[in-house]
Amino acid sequence: MSPSPGRHHLRGNRAALACAVPVGCLTTRSVGHIALIDYTSRVYTQCIVVFMDTRTTLLGLLDAGSGYGYDLKNSWDRWFGDTKPLAYGQIYSTLARLLRDGLIEARGSSAGAGPDRKQYAITPAGHDVVTKWIFTPEVPADSIKAELFAKTVIALLLHDDAERLLDLQRAEHLARMRELTRAKKQADLAGVLLADHSLFHIEADLRWIDLTASRLGELREQVVA
């Protein structure tokens, strides 16, 4: 369902637009009248923060094995800390919401320092949420999403089919490219330029998907180590 217009929706759009062309973070080269945008790692790092699903990513980390809040914090920092830093307070507030929604359960507690020593485990309902999230392709947008990287890591942690995840996402991107290409045939110049803008972003996504697929074995070794 499309979000209804409102303050939060507009703020999200502004953030997405800011990520689309961050000043000083991209280079261009001209071929005829077309400007091809080459993304750097800075573009990726700045843009993906807007889109990452913190709640489900934490749930996915917990699906890989029960643990305490600080275990989740350590796992988050290892895989996603450079992309989207998360404070302990955010970890525990998210755990409280997941517990309230029946997606995790508390399995006792232990004495010690720290704000919370409860051990948490995922419930069958929570596992279903994670599985659906992993294998639901993201709608291609005008920036590369951390969401896809998070899904890939979680799939590997769960010994699930990360190759299938990337194949599904590649198919979603290619379908969107075909839609945009068809739309260009009937568009005016402004419509063509906007479609090209989206196409260049999707092409960058596809290059990242292919690169990640080619290095899944290496990433799997690091994740399960």
Protein backbone atom coordinates (compact mmCIF):
# COMPACT_ATOMS: atom_id res chain seq x y z
CA MET A 1 0.00 0.00 0.00
CA SER A 2 1.38 3.42 -0.92
CA PRO A 3 1.98 5.77 2.01
CA SER A 4 -0.48 8.63 2.27
CA PRO A 5 0.88 12.13 1.83
CA GLY A 6 1.95 13.73 5.05
CA ARG A 7 4.76 15.24 7.00
CA HIS A 8 6.69 11.99 7.46
CA HIS A 9 6.21 10.95 3.85
CA LEU A 10 7.47 14.31 2.59
CA ARG A 11 10.42 14.19 4.94
CA GLY A 12 11.29 10.72 3.62
CA ASN A 13 11.07 11.97 0.05
CA ARG A 14 13.40 14.85 0.81
CA ALA A 15 15.87 12.45 2.39
CA ALA A 16 15.71 10.18 -0.64
CA LEU A 17 16.23 13.12 -2.98
CA ALA A 18 19.19 14.32 -0.94
CA CYS A 19 20.72 10.86 -1.27
CA ALA A 20 20.14 10.75 -4.99
CA VAL A 21 22.78 13.37 -5.79
CA PRO A 22 24.93 14.17 -2.73
CA VAL A 23 27.30 17.04 -3.44
CA GLY A 24 30.89 15.96 -3.87
CA CYS A 25 30.08 12.23 -3.74
CA LEU A 26 29.80 11.43 -7.43
CA THR A 27 31.68 11.98 -10.63
CA THR A 28 30.26 12.30 -14.14
CA ARG A 29 31.45 11.65 -17.63
CA SER A 30 29.56 12.68 -20.73
CA VAL A 31 28.76 10.45 -23.69
CA GLY A 32 26.90 12.55 -26.24
CA HIS A 33 24.20 14.34 -24.26
CA ILE A 34 23.90 11.67 -21.54
CA ALA A 35 25.56 12.11 -18.14
CA LEU A 36 26.48 8.74 -16.68
CA ILE A 37 26.72 8.77 -12.89
CA ASP A 38 29.45 6.67 -11.26
CA TYR A 39 28.63 5.86 -7.65
CA THR A 40 31.32 5.78 -5.01
CA SER A 41 31.23 4.00 -1.67
CA ARG A 42 30.34 7.34 -0.04
CA VAL A 43 27.11 7.50 -2.06
CA TYR A 44 26.21 3.99 -0.95
CA THR A 45 26.99 4.66 2.70
CA GLN A 46 25.03 7.92 2.84
CA CYS A 47 21.94 6.75 0.95
CA ILE A 48 21.25 3.32 2.37
CA VAL A 49 20.80 4.58 5.93
CA VAL A 50 17.40 6.03 4.99
CA PHE A 51 15.89 2.69 4.08
CA MET A 52 17.19 0.05 6.49
CA ASP A 53 14.52 -1.86 8.43
CA THR A 54 16.06 -1.85 11.89
CA ARG A 55 13.27 -3.81 13.56
CA THR A 56 13.23 -6.77 11.19
CA THR A 57 17.01 -6.83 10.85
CA LEU A 58 17.34 -7.16 14.63
CA LEU A 59 14.69 -9.87 14.57
CA GLY A 60 16.70 -11.67 11.91
CA LEU A 61 19.85 -11.50 14.02
CA LEU A 62 17.91 -13.01 16.90
CA ASP A 63 16.59 -15.72 14.58
CA ALA A 64 20.19 -16.86 14.15
CA GLY A 65 20.27 -17.76 17.85
CA SER A 66 18.87 -16.64 21.19
CA GLY A 67 20.85 -14.12 23.14
CA TYR A 68 21.00 -11.05 25.32
CA GLY A 69 20.65 -7.47 24.27
CA TYR A 70 24.39 -6.94 24.26
CA ASP A 71 24.81 -9.99 21.95
CA LEU A 72 22.51 -8.31 19.45
CA LYS A 73 24.40 -5.04 19.82
CA ASN A 74 27.69 -6.80 19.08
CA SER A 75 26.22 -8.56 16.02
CA TRP A 76 24.70 -5.33 14.75
CA ASP A 77 27.97 -3.43 15.17
CA ARG A 78 29.88 -6.17 13.35
CA TRP A 79 27.68 -6.22 10.25
CA PHE A 80 25.79 -2.94 10.10
CA GLY A 81 27.50 -0.52 12.50
CA ASP A 82 29.32 1.36 9.73
CA THR A 83 26.10 1.72 7.77
CA LYS A 84 23.65 2.61 10.53
CA PRO A 85 24.99 2.95 14.10
CA LEU A 86 22.54 1.76 16.73
CA ALA A 87 22.64 2.71 20.41
CA TYR A 88 21.88 0.29 23.23
CA GLY A 89 18.71 2.23 23.99
CA GLN A 90 17.41 1.57 20.47
CA ILE A 91 18.23 -2.13 20.82
CA TYR A 92 16.26 -2.50 24.04
CA SER A 93 13.30 -0.39 22.92
CA THR A 94 13.06 -2.51 19.77
CA LEU A 95 13.25 -5.71 21.82
CA ALA A 96 10.41 -4.42 24.00
CA ARG A 97 8.22 -3.87 20.92
CA LEU A 98 9.08 -7.27 19.47
CA LEU A 99 8.22 -8.86 22.82
CA ARG A 100 4.93 -6.97 22.95
CA ASP A 101 4.05 -8.14 19.44
CA GLY A 102 4.76 -11.79 20.22
CA LEU A 103 7.65 -12.06 17.78
CA ILE A 104 10.19 -12.89 20.50
CA GLU A 105 10.01 -14.30 24.02
CA ALA A 106 12.09 -13.81 27.17
CA ARG A 107 13.86 -16.88 28.50
CA GLY A 108 14.86 -15.92 32.00
CA SER A 109 17.52 -13.47 33.09
CA SER A 110 20.94 -13.48 34.70
CA ALA A 111 22.63 -11.23 37.21
CA GLY A 112 25.25 -8.76 36.05
CA ALA A 113 25.96 -5.23 35.03
CA GLY A 114 24.11 -3.54 32.21
CA PRO A 115 20.63 -2.21 31.54
CA ASP A 116 19.07 -5.58 30.79
CA ARG A 117 20.17 -9.18 31.33
CA LYS A 118 17.15 -10.94 29.87
CA GLN A 119 17.78 -13.59 27.26
CA TYR A 120 15.55 -13.48 24.21
CA ALA A 121 14.56 -16.04 21.60
CA ILE A 122 12.50 -15.74 18.45
CA THR A 123 9.00 -17.25 18.28
CA PRO A 124 7.57 -19.17 15.29
CA ALA A 125 5.62 -16.03 14.36
CA GLY A 126 8.84 -14.03 14.44
CA HIS A 127 10.61 -16.58 12.25
CA ASP A 128 7.79 -16.34 9.71
CA VAL A 129 8.22 -12.54 9.63
CA VAL A 130 11.97 -12.88 8.98
CA THR A 131 11.51 -15.46 6.21
CA LYS A 132 8.87 -13.36 4.45
CA TRP A 133 11.10 -10.27 4.75
CA ILE A 134 14.14 -12.03 3.29
CA PHE A 135 12.39 -13.34 0.22
CA THR A 136 10.22 -10.31 -0.55
CA PRO A 137 12.09 -8.28 -3.20
CA GLU A 138 12.55 -4.59 -2.54
CA VAL A 139 10.88 -2.13 -4.88
CA PRO A 140 13.73 -0.53 -6.86
CA ALA A 141 14.28 3.06 -5.71
CA ASP A 142 16.66 5.86 -6.56
CA SER A 143 19.32 4.65 -4.15
CA ILE A 144 20.95 1.40 -3.20
CA LYS A 145 19.39 0.04 -0.03
CA ALA A 146 21.08 -1.35 3.03
CA GLU A 147 17.99 -3.52 3.27
CA LEU A 148 19.30 -5.89 0.60
CA PHE A 149 22.67 -6.23 2.29
CA ALA A 150 20.96 -6.86 5.64
CA LYS A 151 18.76 -9.54 4.10
CA THR A 152 21.79 -11.22 2.54
CA VAL A 153 23.67 -11.36 5.84
CA ILE A 154 20.62 -12.65 7.74
CA ALA A 155 19.97 -15.31 5.09
CA LEU A 156 23.57 -16.52 5.44
CA LEU A 157 23.35 -16.51 9.24
CA LEU A 158 20.22 -18.69 8.97
CA HIS A 159 21.87 -20.96 6.36
CA ASP A 160 19.06 -19.96 4.02
CA ASP A 161 19.15 -19.51 0.25
CA ALA A 162 20.92 -16.19 -0.23
CA GLU A 163 21.36 -16.95 -3.94
CA ARG A 164 17.58 -17.13 -4.35
CA LEU A 165 17.17 -13.83 -2.51
CA LEU A 166 19.55 -12.08 -4.92
CA ASP A 167 17.93 -13.75 -7.95
CA LEU A 168 14.49 -12.51 -6.86
CA GLN A 169 15.82 -9.00 -6.37
CA ARG A 170 17.57 -9.02 -9.73
CA ALA A 171 14.31 -10.05 -11.42
CA GLU A 172 12.45 -7.22 -9.64
CA HIS A 173 15.02 -4.69 -10.82
CA LEU A 174 14.93 -5.96 -14.41
CA ALA A 175 11.14 -5.79 -14.45
CA ARG A 176 11.28 -2.18 -13.27
CA MET A 177 13.85 -1.35 -15.96
CA ARG A 178 11.50 -2.72 -18.62
CA GLU A 179 8.64 -0.60 -17.27
CA LEU A 180 10.76 2.55 -17.35
CA THR A 181 12.05 1.81 -20.84
CA ARG A 182 8.50 1.40 -22.13
CA ALA A 183 7.41 4.61 -20.40
CA LYS A 184 10.19 6.58 -22.11
CA LYS A 185 8.70 5.89 -25.54
CA GLN A 186 5.65 8.04 -24.77
CA ALA A 187 7.25 10.58 -22.45
CA ASP A 188 8.31 14.15 -23.10
CA LEU A 189 11.89 15.27 -22.50
CA ALA A 190 11.34 15.80 -18.77
CA GLY A 191 9.83 12.32 -18.45
CA VAL A 192 12.71 10.78 -20.39
CA LEU A 193 15.30 12.44 -18.17
CA LEU A 194 13.51 11.33 -15.00
CA ALA A 195 13.25 7.78 -16.32
CA ASP A 196 16.95 7.80 -17.22
CA HIS A 197 17.78 8.99 -13.71
CA SER A 198 15.97 5.99 -12.24
CA LEU A 199 17.48 3.62 -14.79
CA PHE A 200 21.02 4.68 -13.91
CA HIS A 201 20.33 4.00 -10.23
CA ILE A 202 18.83 0.60 -11.00
CA GLU A 203 21.85 -0.28 -13.16
CA ALA A 204 24.08 0.53 -10.18
CA ASP A 205 21.93 -1.71 -7.99
CA LEU A 206 22.24 -4.54 -10.50
CA ARG A 207 26.02 -4.23 -10.58
CA TRP A 208 26.04 -4.48 -6.78
CA ILE A 209 23.72 -7.51 -6.85
CA ASP A 210 25.95 -9.29 -9.37
CA LEU A 211 29.09 -8.45 -7.40
CA THR A 212 27.55 -9.70 -4.17
CA ALA A 213 26.35 -12.91 -5.85
CA SER A 214 29.85 -13.57 -7.16
CA ARG A 215 31.30 -13.18 -3.64
CA LEU A 216 28.65 -15.00 -1.62
CA GLY A 217 31.01 -17.86 -0.83
CA GLU A 218 33.54 -15.46 0.66
CA LEU A 219 30.87 -13.56 2.57
CA ARG A 220 29.37 -16.83 3.86
CA GLU A 221 32.74 -17.79 5.33
CA GLN A 222 32.94 -14.51 7.22
CA VAL A 223 29.33 -14.64 8.42
CA VAL A 224 29.42 -18.21 9.78
CA ALA A 225 32.91 -17.89 11.23
